[in-house]
Amino acid sequence: MKLNEIVDNQGARKSRIRVGRGIGSTKGKTGGRGVKGQTSRSGVAIKGYEGGQMPIHMRLPKRGFNNIFRLDFNPVNLGRVQTAIDAGKLDPKVKVDAEALVKAGVLRRVRDGVRLLAKGELKAKVDFEVAGVSEAAKAAVEKAGGSVTVVESQKEKVAARVAEKAAKKAAK
């Protein structure tokens, strides 16, 4: 067998239908677009249009709301931190914060802070400085001999200031 003898199986590559090439070509004359009207012509974009009837996306009720002040934390599991320590990318003697995790390649970018979660096992004694921590993660870090300091993120400070101003305005 030679490279120039390699061929696809019969029917593996289906040739495309040439639209609008005569009535004998299965898609001739109108080319599968029906007769007359807006959609028989080019340049049509009627997404969700139901012929004047109220479209389904407008008939359905709207649910919930989006909190524009929601904080976007980076979740980090203890097991991931331990692998970085084992690989020598993270120094357990130095305080581990968001910047240290980015430098070690555990995180890609810092958002509104790091939230420490308990998945995995932590063997090294590490001091964390994070924006949030689960109870189980805190217990696991303290069991390993480390400590967790919860620091307020910049957005939380701004949100607290906004809430304080709103409270003062309501009191007047």
C-alpha atoms as a PDB file:
ATOM      1  CA  MET A   1       0.000   0.000   0.000  1.00  0.00           C
ATOM      2  CA  LYS A   2       1.239   3.473  -0.926  1.00  0.00           C
ATOM      3  CA  LEU A   3       0.184   6.911   0.286  1.00  0.00           C
ATOM      4  CA  ASN A   4      -1.397   7.721  -3.073  1.00  0.00           C
ATOM      5  CA  GLU A   5      -3.536   4.580  -2.852  1.00  0.00           C
ATOM      6  CA  ILE A   6      -5.274   5.531   0.430  1.00  0.00           C
ATOM      7  CA  VAL A   7      -8.941   6.243  -0.265  1.00  0.00           C
ATOM      8  CA  ASP A   8     -11.944   7.005   1.974  1.00  0.00           C
ATOM      9  CA  ASN A   9     -14.679   4.400   2.370  1.00  0.00           C
ATOM     10  CA  GLN A  10     -17.546   4.599  -0.124  1.00  0.00           C
ATOM     11  CA  GLY A  11     -20.024   7.249   1.080  1.00  0.00           C
ATOM     12  CA  ALA A  12     -17.688   8.702   3.719  1.00  0.00           C
ATOM     13  CA  ARG A  13     -17.410  12.029   1.900  1.00  0.00           C
ATOM     14  CA  LYS A  14     -20.803  13.172   0.690  1.00  0.00           C
ATOM     15  CA  SER A  15     -20.689  15.775  -2.092  1.00  0.00           C
ATOM     16  CA  ARG A  16     -22.642  18.935  -1.283  1.00  0.00           C
ATOM     17  CA  ILE A  17     -25.928  19.707  -3.009  1.00  0.00           C
ATOM     18  CA  ARG A  18     -25.522  22.475  -5.574  1.00  0.00           C
ATOM     19  CA  VAL A  19     -28.578  24.631  -4.910  1.00  0.00           C
ATOM     20  CA  GLY A  20     -30.422  26.378  -7.751  1.00  0.00           C
ATOM     21  CA  ARG A  21     -28.857  24.489 -10.666  1.00  0.00           C
ATOM     22  CA  GLY A  22     -31.928  23.358 -12.614  1.00  0.00           C
ATOM     23  CA  ILE A  23     -35.067  21.361 -11.819  1.00  0.00           C
ATOM     24  CA  GLY A  24     -33.315  18.029 -12.262  1.00  0.00           C
ATOM     25  CA  SER A  25     -30.869  18.646  -9.402  1.00  0.00           C
ATOM     26  CA  THR A  26     -33.289  18.019  -6.456  1.00  0.00           C
ATOM     27  CA  LYS A  27     -32.795  21.620  -5.267  1.00  0.00           C
ATOM     28  CA  GLY A  28     -33.372  23.553  -8.473  1.00  0.00           C
ATOM     29  CA  LYS A  29     -35.656  26.464  -9.414  1.00  0.00           C
ATOM     30  CA  THR A  30     -36.501  27.922  -5.980  1.00  0.00           C
ATOM     31  CA  GLY A  31     -33.558  26.178  -4.286  1.00  0.00           C
ATOM     32  CA  GLY A  32     -35.551  24.837  -1.334  1.00  0.00           C
ATOM     33  CA  ARG A  33     -36.706  28.325  -0.298  1.00  0.00           C
ATOM     34  CA  GLY A  34     -40.364  27.917  -1.242  1.00  0.00           C
ATOM     35  CA  VAL A  35     -42.211  30.546  -3.281  1.00  0.00           C
ATOM     36  CA  LYS A  36     -42.027  34.352  -2.914  1.00  0.00           C
ATOM     37  CA  GLY A  37     -41.899  36.183   0.384  1.00  0.00           C
ATOM     38  CA  GLN A  38     -39.151  37.614   2.561  1.00  0.00           C
ATOM     39  CA  THR A  39     -37.445  34.318   3.315  1.00  0.00           C
ATOM     40  CA  SER A  40     -37.183  33.369  -0.353  1.00  0.00           C
ATOM     41  CA  ARG A  41     -34.842  36.300  -0.818  1.00  0.00           C
ATOM     42  CA  SER A  42     -31.295  36.848   0.453  1.00  0.00           C
ATOM     43  CA  GLY A  43     -30.322  38.867   3.519  1.00  0.00           C
ATOM     44  CA  VAL A  44     -33.041  37.603   5.864  1.00  0.00           C
ATOM     45  CA  ALA A  45     -32.562  37.439   9.633  1.00  0.00           C
ATOM     46  CA  ILE A  46     -35.850  36.822  11.407  1.00  0.00           C
ATOM     47  CA  LYS A  47     -34.744  35.091  14.582  1.00  0.00           C
ATOM     48  CA  GLY A  48     -37.603  34.406  16.973  1.00  0.00           C
ATOM     49  CA  TYR A  49     -40.161  36.081  14.701  1.00  0.00           C
ATOM     50  CA  GLU A  50     -43.524  34.337  14.769  1.00  0.00           C
ATOM     51  CA  GLY A  51     -45.479  36.161  12.089  1.00  0.00           C
ATOM     52  CA  GLY A  52     -46.649  38.983  14.327  1.00  0.00           C
ATOM     53  CA  GLN A  53     -47.650  36.685  17.188  1.00  0.00           C
ATOM     54  CA  MET A  54     -45.957  37.551  20.471  1.00  0.00           C
ATOM     55  CA  PRO A  55     -42.618  35.628  20.339  1.00  0.00           C
ATOM     56  CA  ILE A  56     -42.038  32.893  22.913  1.00  0.00           C
ATOM     57  CA  HIS A  57     -39.114  34.705  24.528  1.00  0.00           C
ATOM     58  CA  MET A  58     -41.450  37.606  25.260  1.00  0.00           C
ATOM     59  CA  ARG A  59     -44.388  35.420  26.350  1.00  0.00           C
ATOM     60  CA  LEU A  60     -42.395  33.592  29.015  1.00  0.00           C
ATOM     61  CA  PRO A  61     -42.038  35.205  32.456  1.00  0.00           C
ATOM     62  CA  LYS A  62     -38.722  36.675  33.517  1.00  0.00           C
ATOM     63  CA  ARG A  63     -37.160  35.119  36.605  1.00  0.00           C
ATOM     64  CA  GLY A  64     -34.581  36.247  39.144  1.00  0.00           C
ATOM     65  CA  PHE A  65     -32.225  39.173  38.917  1.00  0.00           C
ATOM     66  CA  ASN A  66     -28.537  39.818  38.342  1.00  0.00           C
ATOM     67  CA  ASN A  67     -26.713  41.414  41.235  1.00  0.00           C
ATOM     68  CA  ILE A  68     -24.302  43.904  39.679  1.00  0.00           C
ATOM     69  CA  PHE A  69     -22.361  44.110  42.954  1.00  0.00           C
ATOM     70  CA  ARG A  70     -21.788  40.332  43.136  1.00  0.00           C
ATOM     71  CA  LEU A  71     -18.209  39.414  43.935  1.00  0.00           C
ATOM     72  CA  ASP A  72     -16.389  37.015  41.634  1.00  0.00           C
ATOM     73  CA  PHE A  73     -14.035  34.887  43.742  1.00  0.00           C
ATOM     74  CA  ASN A  74     -11.385  32.461  42.509  1.00  0.00           C
ATOM     75  CA  PRO A  75     -12.100  29.075  44.127  1.00  0.00           C
ATOM     76  CA  VAL A  76      -8.914  27.246  45.149  1.00  0.00           C
ATOM     77  CA  ASN A  77      -8.868  23.744  46.610  1.00  0.00           C
ATOM     78  CA  LEU A  78      -6.341  22.687  49.239  1.00  0.00           C
ATOM     79  CA  GLY A  79      -5.277  19.723  47.108  1.00  0.00           C
ATOM     80  CA  ARG A  80      -4.294  22.089  44.279  1.00  0.00           C
ATOM     81  CA  VAL A  81      -2.198  24.160  46.691  1.00  0.00           C
ATOM     82  CA  GLN A  82      -0.481  21.001  47.979  1.00  0.00           C
ATOM     83  CA  THR A  83       0.418  19.925  44.414  1.00  0.00           C
ATOM     84  CA  ALA A  84       1.958  23.347  43.775  1.00  0.00           C
ATOM     85  CA  ILE A  85       3.975  23.032  46.999  1.00  0.00           C
ATOM     86  CA  ASP A  86       5.102  19.494  46.068  1.00  0.00           C
ATOM     87  CA  ALA A  87       6.164  20.726  42.612  1.00  0.00           C
ATOM     88  CA  GLY A  88       8.224  23.492  44.239  1.00  0.00           C
ATOM     89  CA  LYS A  89       6.180  26.282  42.645  1.00  0.00           C
ATOM     90  CA  LEU A  90       4.788  27.569  45.936  1.00  0.00           C
ATOM     91  CA  ASP A  91       6.822  28.314  49.063  1.00  0.00           C
ATOM     92  CA  PRO A  92       4.891  27.265  52.195  1.00  0.00           C
ATOM     93  CA  LYS A  93       7.081  29.458  54.449  1.00  0.00           C
ATOM     94  CA  VAL A  94       5.857  32.664  52.774  1.00  0.00           C
ATOM     95  CA  LYS A  95       2.273  33.899  53.310  1.00  0.00           C
ATOM     96  CA  VAL A  96       0.137  32.539  50.460  1.00  0.00           C
ATOM     97  CA  ASP A  97      -2.153  35.148  48.901  1.00  0.00           C
ATOM     98  CA  ALA A  98      -3.744  35.698  45.482  1.00  0.00           C
ATOM     99  CA  GLU A  99      -0.559  37.078  43.878  1.00  0.00           C
ATOM    100  CA  ALA A 100       1.512  34.129  45.118  1.00  0.00           C
ATOM    101  CA  LEU A 101      -1.052  31.693  43.671  1.00  0.00           C
ATOM    102  CA  VAL A 102      -0.956  33.448  40.285  1.00  0.00           C
ATOM    103  CA  LYS A 103       2.840  33.406  40.310  1.00  0.00           C
ATOM    104  CA  ALA A 104       2.805  29.666  41.117  1.00  0.00           C
ATOM    105  CA  GLY A 105       0.391  28.991  38.244  1.00  0.00           C
ATOM    106  CA  VAL A 106      -2.451  27.831  40.481  1.00  0.00           C
ATOM    107  CA  LEU A 107      -4.623  30.729  39.264  1.00  0.00           C
ATOM    108  CA  ARG A 108      -4.632  32.504  35.919  1.00  0.00           C
ATOM    109  CA  ARG A 109      -5.726  35.907  37.214  1.00  0.00           C
ATOM    110  CA  VAL A 110      -6.895  37.585  40.412  1.00  0.00           C
ATOM    111  CA  ARG A 111     -10.552  38.518  40.352  1.00  0.00           C
ATOM    112  CA  ASP A 112     -12.194  39.844  43.543  1.00  0.00           C
ATOM    113  CA  GLY A 113     -10.175  37.583  45.799  1.00  0.00           C
ATOM    114  CA  VAL A 114      -9.540  33.927  46.565  1.00  0.00           C
ATOM    115  CA  ARG A 115     -11.948  31.573  48.307  1.00  0.00           C
ATOM    116  CA  LEU A 116     -10.256  28.577  49.887  1.00  0.00           C
ATOM    117  CA  LEU A 117     -12.115  25.251  49.636  1.00  0.00           C
ATOM    118  CA  ALA A 118     -11.419  21.929  51.351  1.00  0.00           C
ATOM    119  CA  LYS A 119     -11.214  19.451  48.455  1.00  0.00           C
ATOM    120  CA  GLY A 120      -7.989  17.480  48.662  1.00  0.00           C
ATOM    121  CA  GLU A 121      -5.480  17.136  51.464  1.00  0.00           C
ATOM    122  CA  LEU A 122      -3.003  19.699  52.813  1.00  0.00           C
ATOM    123  CA  LYS A 123       0.111  18.298  54.494  1.00  0.00           C
ATOM    124  CA  ALA A 124       2.331  21.398  54.615  1.00  0.00           C
ATOM    125  CA  LYS A 125       2.095  24.135  57.250  1.00  0.00           C
ATOM    126  CA  VAL A 126       0.872  27.148  55.251  1.00  0.00           C
ATOM    127  CA  ASP A 127      -0.322  30.631  56.237  1.00  0.00           C
ATOM    128  CA  PHE A 128      -3.093  31.827  53.917  1.00  0.00           C
ATOM    129  CA  GLU A 129      -4.349  35.361  53.291  1.00  0.00           C
ATOM    130  CA  VAL A 130      -7.630  35.012  51.380  1.00  0.00           C
ATOM    131  CA  ALA A 131     -10.942  36.813  50.850  1.00  0.00           C
ATOM    132  CA  GLY A 132     -13.027  33.805  51.898  1.00  0.00           C
ATOM    133  CA  VAL A 133     -12.641  30.325  53.357  1.00  0.00           C
ATOM    134  CA  SER A 134     -14.993  27.394  53.970  1.00  0.00           C
ATOM    135  CA  GLU A 135     -15.247  25.992  57.504  1.00  0.00           C
ATOM    136  CA  ALA A 136     -13.852  22.620  56.406  1.00  0.00           C
ATOM    137  CA  ALA A 137     -10.880  24.265  54.657  1.00  0.00           C
ATOM    138  CA  LYS A 138     -10.107  26.378  57.714  1.00  0.00           C
ATOM    139  CA  ALA A 139     -10.185  23.278  59.916  1.00  0.00           C
ATOM    140  CA  ALA A 140      -7.906  21.376  57.496  1.00  0.00           C
ATOM    141  CA  VAL A 141      -5.349  24.210  57.365  1.00  0.00           C
ATOM    142  CA  GLU A 142      -5.295  24.553  61.158  1.00  0.00           C
ATOM    143  CA  LYS A 143      -4.977  20.761  61.498  1.00  0.00           C
ATOM    144  CA  ALA A 144      -1.856  20.921  59.281  1.00  0.00           C
ATOM    145  CA  GLY A 145      -0.461  23.632  61.572  1.00  0.00           C
ATOM    146  CA  GLY A 146      -1.146  26.644  59.349  1.00  0.00           C
ATOM    147  CA  SER A 147      -3.407  29.656  59.705  1.00  0.00           C
ATOM    148  CA  VAL A 148      -6.007  31.476  57.615  1.00  0.00           C
ATOM    149  CA  THR A 149      -6.454  35.254  57.602  1.00  0.00           C
ATOM    150  CA  VAL A 150      -9.577  36.551  55.892  1.00  0.00           C
ATOM    151  CA  VAL A 151      -8.937  39.931  54.288  1.00  0.00           C
ATOM    152  CA  GLU A 152     -11.599  42.203  52.862  1.00  0.00           C
ATOM    153  CA  SER A 153     -11.380  42.585  49.093  1.00  0.00           C
ATOM    154  CA  GLN A 154     -11.390  46.021  47.425  1.00  0.00           C
ATOM    155  CA  LYS A 155     -14.901  45.532  46.052  1.00  0.00           C
ATOM    156  CA  GLU A 156     -16.224  44.531  49.476  1.00  0.00           C
ATOM    157  CA  LYS A 157     -14.803  47.754  50.931  1.00  0.00           C
ATOM    158  CA  VAL A 158     -16.500  49.807  48.203  1.00  0.00           C
ATOM    159  CA  ALA A 159     -19.791  47.923  48.662  1.00  0.00           C
ATOM    160  CA  ALA A 160     -19.628  48.495  52.426  1.00  0.00           C
ATOM    161  CA  ARG A 161     -19.008  52.213  51.845  1.00  0.00           C
ATOM    162  CA  VAL A 162     -21.976  52.446  49.443  1.00  0.00           C
ATOM    163  CA  ALA A 163     -24.237  50.649  51.935  1.00  0.00           C
ATOM    164  CA  GLU A 164     -23.063  52.982  54.704  1.00  0.00           C
ATOM    165  CA  LYS A 165     -23.892  56.073  52.623  1.00  0.00           C
ATOM    166  CA  ALA A 166     -27.322  54.640  51.763  1.00  0.00           C
ATOM    167  CA  ALA A 167     -28.000  54.001  55.468  1.00  0.00           C
ATOM    168  CA  LYS A 168     -27.030  57.586  56.378  1.00  0.00           C
ATOM    169  CA  LYS A 169     -29.269  58.958  53.614  1.00  0.00           C
ATOM    170  CA  ALA A 170     -32.196  56.847  54.830  1.00  0.00           C
ATOM    171  CA  ALA A 171     -31.647  58.059  58.409  1.00  0.00           C
ATOM    172  CA  LYS A 172     -32.019  61.746  57.398  1.00  0.00           C
END
